[in-house]
Amino acid sequence: MRHQYKTQYTCSQVISFDLDGDVVSNVEFLGGCNGNLKAISKLVNGMTVEQIESYLRGNTCGRRPTSCADQLAIAVREAYEKEQAGA
């Protein structure tokens, strides 16, 4: 299922991705550091929610309390939990 997540405190505004069970694919960021975010999208393609969280959760950007990578980890967990709850 395709999901969209509106980011907070980052240069990117929206993260879109597909979630099949707990496997994430087709990650796209709207805005942000284009080259870096394309690389992150390629690196996480096919990873599970848990794997993405273990690598990216808690990563910050400068003085911000989060980063685009951290927001991705939050987004995939939130989407996974919603799907598991039947929402």
PDB file of N, CA and C in Angstrom:
ATOM      1  N   MET A   1       0.844  -1.172   0.000  1.00  0.00           N
ATOM      2  CA  MET A   1       0.000   0.000   0.000  1.00  0.00           C
ATOM      3  C   MET A   1       0.896   1.243   0.000  1.00  0.00           C
ATOM      4  N   ARG A   2       0.499   2.248  -0.729  1.00  0.00           N
ATOM      5  CA  ARG A   2       1.249   3.504  -0.812  1.00  0.00           C
ATOM      6  C   ARG A   2       0.884   4.391   0.382  1.00  0.00           C
ATOM      7  N   HIS A   3       1.906   5.005   0.953  1.00  0.00           N
ATOM      8  CA  HIS A   3       1.719   5.892   2.107  1.00  0.00           C
ATOM      9  C   HIS A   3       2.394   7.229   1.842  1.00  0.00           C
ATOM     10  N   GLN A   4       1.864   8.268   2.473  1.00  0.00           N
ATOM     11  CA  GLN A   4       2.487   9.597   2.454  1.00  0.00           C
ATOM     12  C   GLN A   4       2.589  10.085   3.886  1.00  0.00           C
ATOM     13  N   TYR A   5       3.718  10.712   4.178  1.00  0.00           N
ATOM     14  CA  TYR A   5       3.962  11.232   5.518  1.00  0.00           C
ATOM     15  C   TYR A   5       4.437  12.671   5.398  1.00  0.00           C
ATOM     16  N   LYS A   6       3.759  13.574   6.097  1.00  0.00           N
ATOM     17  CA  LYS A   6       4.170  14.973   6.114  1.00  0.00           C
ATOM     18  C   LYS A   6       5.234  15.130   7.185  1.00  0.00           C
ATOM     19  N   THR A   7       6.425  15.540   6.766  1.00  0.00           N
ATOM     20  CA  THR A   7       7.562  15.641   7.682  1.00  0.00           C
ATOM     21  C   THR A   7       7.454  16.872   8.578  1.00  0.00           C
ATOM     22  N   GLN A   8       8.241  16.857   9.657  1.00  0.00           N
ATOM     23  CA  GLN A   8       8.317  17.984  10.587  1.00  0.00           C
ATOM     24  C   GLN A   8       9.769  18.361  10.795  1.00  0.00           C
ATOM     25  N   TYR A   9      10.062  19.634  10.789  1.00  0.00           N
ATOM     26  CA  TYR A   9      11.387  20.189  11.094  1.00  0.00           C
ATOM     27  C   TYR A   9      12.480  19.783  10.094  1.00  0.00           C
ATOM     28  N   THR A  10      12.104  19.469   8.865  1.00  0.00           N
ATOM     29  CA  THR A  10      13.100  19.102   7.849  1.00  0.00           C
ATOM     30  C   THR A  10      12.876  19.910   6.577  1.00  0.00           C
ATOM     31  N   CYS A  11      13.872  19.893   5.714  1.00  0.00           N
ATOM     32  CA  CYS A  11      13.760  20.574   4.422  1.00  0.00           C
ATOM     33  C   CYS A  11      12.788  19.850   3.488  1.00  0.00           C
ATOM     34  N   SER A  12      12.748  18.528   3.581  1.00  0.00           N
ATOM     35  CA  SER A  12      11.754  17.801   2.781  1.00  0.00           C
ATOM     36  C   SER A  12      10.386  18.021   3.411  1.00  0.00           C
ATOM     37  N   GLN A  13       9.360  18.011   2.572  1.00  0.00           N
ATOM     38  CA  GLN A  13       8.008  18.259   3.083  1.00  0.00           C
ATOM     39  C   GLN A  13       7.178  16.995   3.213  1.00  0.00           C
ATOM     40  N   VAL A  14       7.391  16.056   2.283  1.00  0.00           N
ATOM     41  CA  VAL A  14       6.579  14.835   2.253  1.00  0.00           C
ATOM     42  C   VAL A  14       7.468  13.656   1.887  1.00  0.00           C
ATOM     43  N   ILE A  15       7.200  12.513   2.517  1.00  0.00           N
ATOM     44  CA  ILE A  15       7.849  11.259   2.146  1.00  0.00           C
ATOM     45  C   ILE A  15       6.751  10.306   1.683  1.00  0.00           C
ATOM     46  N   SER A  16       6.928   9.728   0.499  1.00  0.00           N
ATOM     47  CA  SER A  16       5.999   8.730  -0.029  1.00  0.00           C
ATOM     48  C   SER A  16       6.736   7.403  -0.137  1.00  0.00           C
ATOM     49  N   PHE A  17       6.040   6.321   0.126  1.00  0.00           N
ATOM     50  CA  PHE A  17       6.664   4.999   0.058  1.00  0.00           C
ATOM     51  C   PHE A  17       5.588   3.923  -0.012  1.00  0.00           C
ATOM     52  N   ASP A  18       6.003   2.751  -0.479  1.00  0.00           N
ATOM     53  CA  ASP A  18       5.137   1.582  -0.498  1.00  0.00           C
ATOM     54  C   ASP A  18       5.502   0.693   0.681  1.00  0.00           C
ATOM     55  N   LEU A  19       4.487   0.061   1.243  1.00  0.00           N
ATOM     56  CA  LEU A  19       4.692  -0.852   2.361  1.00  0.00           C
ATOM     57  C   LEU A  19       3.942  -2.138   2.055  1.00  0.00           C
ATOM     58  N   ASP A  20       4.678  -3.240   1.998  1.00  0.00           N
ATOM     59  CA  ASP A  20       4.109  -4.565   1.740  1.00  0.00           C
ATOM     60  C   ASP A  20       4.457  -5.434   2.940  1.00  0.00           C
ATOM     61  N   GLY A  21       3.515  -5.586   3.847  1.00  0.00           N
ATOM     62  CA  GLY A  21       3.821  -6.241   5.122  1.00  0.00           C
ATOM     63  C   GLY A  21       4.700  -5.306   5.915  1.00  0.00           C
ATOM     64  N   ASP A  22       5.955  -5.722   6.149  1.00  0.00           N
ATOM     65  CA  ASP A  22       6.890  -4.822   6.827  1.00  0.00           C
ATOM     66  C   ASP A  22       8.048  -4.415   5.921  1.00  0.00           C
ATOM     67  N   VAL A  23       7.899  -4.636   4.616  1.00  0.00           N
ATOM     68  CA  VAL A  23       8.959  -4.316   3.653  1.00  0.00           C
ATOM     69  C   VAL A  23       8.645  -2.999   2.944  1.00  0.00           C
ATOM     70  N   VAL A  24       9.631  -2.114   2.944  1.00  0.00           N
ATOM     71  CA  VAL A  24       9.482  -0.767   2.385  1.00  0.00           C
ATOM     72  C   VAL A  24      10.149  -0.704   1.009  1.00  0.00           C
ATOM     73  N   SER A  25       9.478  -0.024   0.078  1.00  0.00           N
ATOM     74  CA  SER A  25      10.048   0.165  -1.260  1.00  0.00           C
ATOM     75  C   SER A  25       9.555   1.473  -1.854  1.00  0.00           C
ATOM     76  N   ASN A  26      10.174   1.865  -2.957  1.00  0.00           N
ATOM     77  CA  ASN A  26       9.762   3.047  -3.736  1.00  0.00           C
ATOM     78  C   ASN A  26       9.662   4.315  -2.889  1.00  0.00           C
ATOM     79  N   VAL A  27      10.684   4.582  -2.093  1.00  0.00           N
ATOM     80  CA  VAL A  27      10.700   5.763  -1.232  1.00  0.00           C
ATOM     81  C   VAL A  27      10.997   6.996  -2.081  1.00  0.00           C
ATOM     82  N   GLU A  28      10.201   8.048  -1.899  1.00  0.00           N
ATOM     83  CA  GLU A  28      10.396   9.321  -2.590  1.00  0.00           C
ATOM     84  C   GLU A  28      10.234  10.458  -1.596  1.00  0.00           C
ATOM     85  N   PHE A  29      11.149  11.407  -1.661  1.00  0.00           N
ATOM     86  CA  PHE A  29      11.083  12.601  -0.824  1.00  0.00           C
ATOM     87  C   PHE A  29      10.708  13.783  -1.696  1.00  0.00           C
ATOM     88  N   LEU A  30       9.859  14.668  -1.192  1.00  0.00           N
ATOM     89  CA  LEU A  30       9.535  15.919  -1.859  1.00  0.00           C
ATOM     90  C   LEU A  30      10.303  17.013  -1.131  1.00  0.00           C
ATOM     91  N   GLY A  31      11.237  17.638  -1.825  1.00  0.00           N
ATOM     92  CA  GLY A  31      12.083  18.659  -1.218  1.00  0.00           C
ATOM     93  C   GLY A  31      13.289  18.030  -0.557  1.00  0.00           C
ATOM     94  N   GLY A  32      14.088  18.849   0.088  1.00  0.00           N
ATOM     95  CA  GLY A  32      15.267  18.358   0.785  1.00  0.00           C
ATOM     96  C   GLY A  32      16.493  18.271  -0.110  1.00  0.00           C
ATOM     97  N   CYS A  33      17.521  17.637   0.390  1.00  0.00           N
ATOM     98  CA  CYS A  33      18.803  17.480  -0.320  1.00  0.00           C
ATOM     99  C   CYS A  33      18.673  16.354  -1.335  1.00  0.00           C
ATOM    100  N   ASN A  34      18.410  16.717  -2.558  1.00  0.00           N
ATOM    101  CA  ASN A  34      18.042  15.775  -3.605  1.00  0.00           C
ATOM    102  C   ASN A  34      18.979  14.572  -3.716  1.00  0.00           C
ATOM    103  N   GLY A  35      20.266  14.793  -3.841  1.00  0.00           N
ATOM    104  CA  GLY A  35      21.208  13.689  -4.014  1.00  0.00           C
ATOM    105  C   GLY A  35      21.250  12.762  -2.820  1.00  0.00           C
ATOM    106  N   ASN A  36      21.319  13.329  -1.631  1.00  0.00           N
ATOM    107  CA  ASN A  36      21.364  12.506  -0.414  1.00  0.00           C
ATOM    108  C   ASN A  36      20.089  11.696  -0.226  1.00  0.00           C
ATOM    109  N   LEU A  37      18.962  12.313  -0.513  1.00  0.00           N
ATOM    110  CA  LEU A  37      17.696  11.616  -0.302  1.00  0.00           C
ATOM    111  C   LEU A  37      17.464  10.542  -1.361  1.00  0.00           C
ATOM    112  N   LYS A  38      17.950  10.755  -2.575  1.00  0.00           N
ATOM    113  CA  LYS A  38      17.887   9.694  -3.585  1.00  0.00           C
ATOM    114  C   LYS A  38      18.727   8.504  -3.131  1.00  0.00           C
ATOM    115  N   ALA A  39      19.893   8.785  -2.549  1.00  0.00           N
ATOM    116  CA  ALA A  39      20.762   7.713  -2.067  1.00  0.00           C
ATOM    117  C   ALA A  39      20.096   6.946  -0.928  1.00  0.00           C
ATOM    118  N   ILE A  40      19.512   7.652   0.020  1.00  0.00           N
ATOM    119  CA  ILE A  40      18.817   6.983   1.118  1.00  0.00           C
ATOM    120  C   ILE A  40      17.704   6.104   0.576  1.00  0.00           C
ATOM    121  N   SER A  41      16.956   6.631  -0.389  1.00  0.00           N
ATOM    122  CA  SER A  41      15.851   5.870  -0.976  1.00  0.00           C
ATOM    123  C   SER A  41      16.337   4.566  -1.590  1.00  0.00           C
ATOM    124  N   LYS A  42      17.457   4.612  -2.293  1.00  0.00           N
ATOM    125  CA  LYS A  42      18.018   3.403  -2.899  1.00  0.00           C
ATOM    126  C   LYS A  42      18.526   2.433  -1.830  1.00  0.00           C
ATOM    127  N   LEU A  43      19.173   2.951  -0.811  1.00  0.00           N
ATOM    128  CA  LEU A  43      19.751   2.099   0.227  1.00  0.00           C
ATOM    129  C   LEU A  43      18.702   1.358   1.047  1.00  0.00           C
ATOM    130  N   VAL A  44      17.569   1.986   1.297  1.00  0.00           N
ATOM    131  CA  VAL A  44      16.549   1.349   2.137  1.00  0.00           C
ATOM    132  C   VAL A  44      15.558   0.510   1.343  1.00  0.00           C
ATOM    133  N   ASN A  45      15.612   0.575   0.028  1.00  0.00           N
ATOM    134  CA  ASN A  45      14.669  -0.174  -0.798  1.00  0.00           C
ATOM    135  C   ASN A  45      14.763  -1.672  -0.480  1.00  0.00           C
ATOM    136  N   GLY A  46      13.642  -2.249  -0.076  1.00  0.00           N
ATOM    137  CA  GLY A  46      13.598  -3.667   0.257  1.00  0.00           C
ATOM    138  C   GLY A  46      13.885  -3.976   1.718  1.00  0.00           C
ATOM    139  N   MET A  47      14.234  -2.973   2.501  1.00  0.00           N
ATOM    140  CA  MET A  47      14.472  -3.186   3.932  1.00  0.00           C
ATOM    141  C   MET A  47      13.146  -3.278   4.686  1.00  0.00           C
ATOM    142  N   THR A  48      13.207  -3.878   5.855  1.00  0.00           N
ATOM    143  CA  THR A  48      12.027  -3.930   6.718  1.00  0.00           C
ATOM    144  C   THR A  48      11.941  -2.649   7.542  1.00  0.00           C
ATOM    145  N   VAL A  49      10.784  -2.448   8.113  1.00  0.00           N
ATOM    146  CA  VAL A  49      10.572  -1.299   8.999  1.00  0.00           C
ATOM    147  C   VAL A  49      11.608  -1.322  10.123  1.00  0.00           C
ATOM    148  N   GLU A  50      11.815  -2.481  10.717  1.00  0.00           N
ATOM    149  CA  GLU A  50      12.761  -2.606  11.833  1.00  0.00           C
ATOM    150  C   GLU A  50      14.191  -2.282  11.399  1.00  0.00           C
ATOM    151  N   GLN A  51      14.587  -2.732  10.215  1.00  0.00           N
ATOM    152  CA  GLN A  51      15.931  -2.433   9.722  1.00  0.00           C
ATOM    153  C   GLN A  51      16.115  -0.932   9.518  1.00  0.00           C
ATOM    154  N   ILE A  52      15.125  -0.291   8.915  1.00  0.00           N
ATOM    155  CA  ILE A  52      15.203   1.154   8.672  1.00  0.00           C
ATOM    156  C   ILE A  52      15.302   1.889  10.002  1.00  0.00           C
ATOM    157  N   GLU A  53      14.492   1.497  10.960  1.00  0.00           N
ATOM    158  CA  GLU A  53      14.560   2.126  12.283  1.00  0.00           C
ATOM    159  C   GLU A  53      15.937   1.941  12.913  1.00  0.00           C
ATOM    160  N   SER A  54      16.496   0.754  12.811  1.00  0.00           N
ATOM    161  CA  SER A  54      17.778   0.491  13.464  1.00  0.00           C
ATOM    162  C   SER A  54      18.907   1.322  12.859  1.00  0.00           C
ATOM    163  N   TYR A  55      18.834   1.611  11.575  1.00  0.00           N
ATOM    164  CA  TYR A  55      19.876   2.404  10.921  1.00  0.00           C
ATOM    165  C   TYR A  55      19.647   3.919  11.033  1.00  0.00           C
ATOM    166  N   LEU A  56      18.395   4.351  10.946  1.00  0.00           N
ATOM    167  CA  LEU A  56      18.132   5.777  10.749  1.00  0.00           C
ATOM    168  C   LEU A  56      17.473   6.507  11.919  1.00  0.00           C
ATOM    169  N   ARG A  57      16.799   5.795  12.800  1.00  0.00           N
ATOM    170  CA  ARG A  57      16.077   6.445  13.901  1.00  0.00           C
ATOM    171  C   ARG A  57      17.054   7.191  14.813  1.00  0.00           C
ATOM    172  N   GLY A  58      16.721   8.439  15.113  1.00  0.00           N
ATOM    173  CA  GLY A  58      17.537   9.253  16.005  1.00  0.00           C
ATOM    174  C   GLY A  58      18.596  10.087  15.310  1.00  0.00           C
ATOM    175  N   ASN A  59      18.745   9.917  14.004  1.00  0.00           N
ATOM    176  CA  ASN A  59      19.708  10.712  13.243  1.00  0.00           C
ATOM    177  C   ASN A  59      19.219  12.163  13.197  1.00  0.00           C
ATOM    178  N   THR A  60      20.098  13.110  13.490  1.00  0.00           N
ATOM    179  CA  THR A  60      19.706  14.518  13.461  1.00  0.00           C
ATOM    180  C   THR A  60      20.430  15.249  12.336  1.00  0.00           C
ATOM    181  N   CYS A  61      19.966  16.455  12.037  1.00  0.00           N
ATOM    182  CA  CYS A  61      20.545  17.282  10.977  1.00  0.00           C
ATOM    183  C   CYS A  61      20.866  18.658  11.576  1.00  0.00           C
ATOM    184  N   GLY A  62      22.146  18.939  11.711  1.00  0.00           N
ATOM    185  CA  GLY A  62      22.541  20.220  12.299  1.00  0.00           C
ATOM    186  C   GLY A  62      21.976  20.362  13.698  1.00  0.00           C
ATOM    187  N   ARG A  63      21.358  21.498  13.968  1.00  0.00           N
ATOM    188  CA  ARG A  63      20.766  21.757  15.287  1.00  0.00           C
ATOM    189  C   ARG A  63      19.326  21.265  15.402  1.00  0.00           C
ATOM    190  N   ARG A  64      18.828  20.694  14.338  1.00  0.00           N
ATOM    191  CA  ARG A  64      17.439  20.220  14.359  1.00  0.00           C
ATOM    192  C   ARG A  64      17.333  18.942  15.188  1.00  0.00           C
ATOM    193  N   PRO A  65      16.166  18.708  15.779  1.00  0.00           N
ATOM    194  CA  PRO A  65      15.994  17.511  16.610  1.00  0.00           C
ATOM    195  C   PRO A  65      15.756  16.237  15.800  1.00  0.00           C
ATOM    196  N   THR A  66      15.724  16.356  14.482  1.00  0.00           N
ATOM    197  CA  THR A  66      15.418  15.240  13.597  1.00  0.00           C
ATOM    198  C   THR A  66      16.165  15.439  12.280  1.00  0.00           C
ATOM    199  N   SER A  67      15.906  14.572  11.328  1.00  0.00           N
ATOM    200  CA  SER A  67      16.470  14.688   9.981  1.00  0.00           C
ATOM    201  C   SER A  67      15.505  14.008   9.023  1.00  0.00           C
ATOM    202  N   CYS A  68      15.773  14.127   7.747  1.00  0.00           N
ATOM    203  CA  CYS A  68      14.928  13.435   6.758  1.00  0.00           C
ATOM    204  C   CYS A  68      14.997  11.922   6.972  1.00  0.00           C
ATOM    205  N   ALA A  69      16.178  11.415   7.294  1.00  0.00           N
ATOM    206  CA  ALA A  69      16.333   9.980   7.550  1.00  0.00           C
ATOM    207  C   ALA A  69      15.539   9.555   8.780  1.00  0.00           C
ATOM    208  N   ASP A  70      15.613  10.336   9.846  1.00  0.00           N
ATOM    209  CA  ASP A  70      14.855  10.060  11.063  1.00  0.00           C
ATOM    210  C   ASP A  70      13.366  10.115  10.781  1.00  0.00           C
ATOM    211  N   GLN A  71      12.941  11.090  10.001  1.00  0.00           N
ATOM    212  CA  GLN A  71      11.532  11.210   9.640  1.00  0.00           C
ATOM    213  C   GLN A  71      11.062  10.002   8.836  1.00  0.00           C
ATOM    214  N   LEU A  72      11.932   9.459   7.988  1.00  0.00           N
ATOM    215  CA  LEU A  72      11.584   8.243   7.247  1.00  0.00           C
ATOM    216  C   LEU A  72      11.357   7.088   8.218  1.00  0.00           C
ATOM    217  N   ALA A  73      12.231   6.935   9.188  1.00  0.00           N
ATOM    218  CA  ALA A  73      12.069   5.865  10.178  1.00  0.00           C
ATOM    219  C   ALA A  73      10.747   6.016  10.938  1.00  0.00           C
ATOM    220  N   ILE A  74      10.421   7.234  11.298  1.00  0.00           N
ATOM    221  CA  ILE A  74       9.155   7.506  11.990  1.00  0.00           C
ATOM    222  C   ILE A  74       7.975   7.191  11.075  1.00  0.00           C
ATOM    223  N   ALA A  75       8.075   7.606   9.822  1.00  0.00           N
ATOM    224  CA  ALA A  75       6.987   7.422   8.856  1.00  0.00           C
ATOM    225  C   ALA A  75       6.685   5.950   8.603  1.00  0.00           C
ATOM    226  N   VAL A  76       7.729   5.149   8.389  1.00  0.00           N
ATOM    227  CA  VAL A  76       7.477   3.737   8.082  1.00  0.00           C
ATOM    228  C   VAL A  76       6.909   3.000   9.293  1.00  0.00           C
ATOM    229  N   ARG A  77       7.363   3.353  10.495  1.00  0.00           N
ATOM    230  CA  ARG A  77       6.806   2.732  11.707  1.00  0.00           C
ATOM    231  C   ARG A  77       5.344   3.100  11.878  1.00  0.00           C
ATOM    232  N   GLU A  78       5.028   4.380  11.684  1.00  0.00           N
ATOM    233  CA  GLU A  78       3.642   4.839  11.826  1.00  0.00           C
ATOM    234  C   GLU A  78       2.735   4.132  10.823  1.00  0.00           C
ATOM    235  N   ALA A  79       3.172   4.037   9.576  1.00  0.00           N
ATOM    236  CA  ALA A  79       2.379   3.378   8.537  1.00  0.00           C
ATOM    237  C   ALA A  79       2.191   1.893   8.859  1.00  0.00           C
ATOM    238  N   TYR A  80       3.246   1.262   9.300  1.00  0.00           N
ATOM    239  CA  TYR A  80       3.178  -0.161   9.648  1.00  0.00           C
ATOM    240  C   TYR A  80       2.180  -0.393  10.782  1.00  0.00           C
ATOM    241  N   GLU A  81       2.259   0.432  11.814  1.00  0.00           N
ATOM    242  CA  GLU A  81       1.333   0.294  12.952  1.00  0.00           C
ATOM    243  C   GLU A  81      -0.116   0.514  12.524  1.00  0.00           C
ATOM    244  N   LYS A  82      -0.341   1.494  11.636  1.00  0.00           N
ATOM    245  CA  LYS A  82      -1.709   1.742  11.135  1.00  0.00           C
ATOM    246  C   LYS A  82      -2.224   0.547  10.357  1.00  0.00           C
ATOM    247  N   GLU A  83      -1.365  -0.017   9.503  1.00  0.00           N
ATOM    248  CA  GLU A  83      -1.791  -1.184   8.728  1.00  0.00           C
ATOM    249  C   GLU A  83      -2.083  -2.368   9.650  1.00  0.00           C
ATOM    250  N   GLN A  84      -1.276  -2.582  10.658  1.00  0.00           N
ATOM    251  CA  GLN A  84      -1.487  -3.687  11.588  1.00  0.00           C
ATOM    252  C   GLN A  84      -2.773  -3.514  12.377  1.00  0.00           C
ATOM    253  N   ALA A  85      -3.148  -2.260  12.626  1.00  0.00           N
ATOM    254  CA  ALA A  85      -4.389  -1.977  13.367  1.00  0.00           C
ATOM    255  C   ALA A  85      -5.611  -2.013  12.463  1.00  0.00           C
ATOM    256  N   GLY A  86      -5.376  -2.182  11.158  1.00  0.00           N
ATOM    257  CA  GLY A  86      -6.491  -2.252  10.207  1.00  0.00           C
ATOM    258  C   GLY A  86      -7.013  -0.917   9.764  1.00  0.00           C
ATOM    259  N   ALA A  87      -6.246   0.134   9.999  1.00  0.00           N
ATOM    260  CA  ALA A  87      -6.691   1.483   9.611  1.00  0.00           C
ATOM    261  C   ALA A  87      -6.420   1.765   8.159  1.00  0.00           C
TER     262      ALA A  87
END
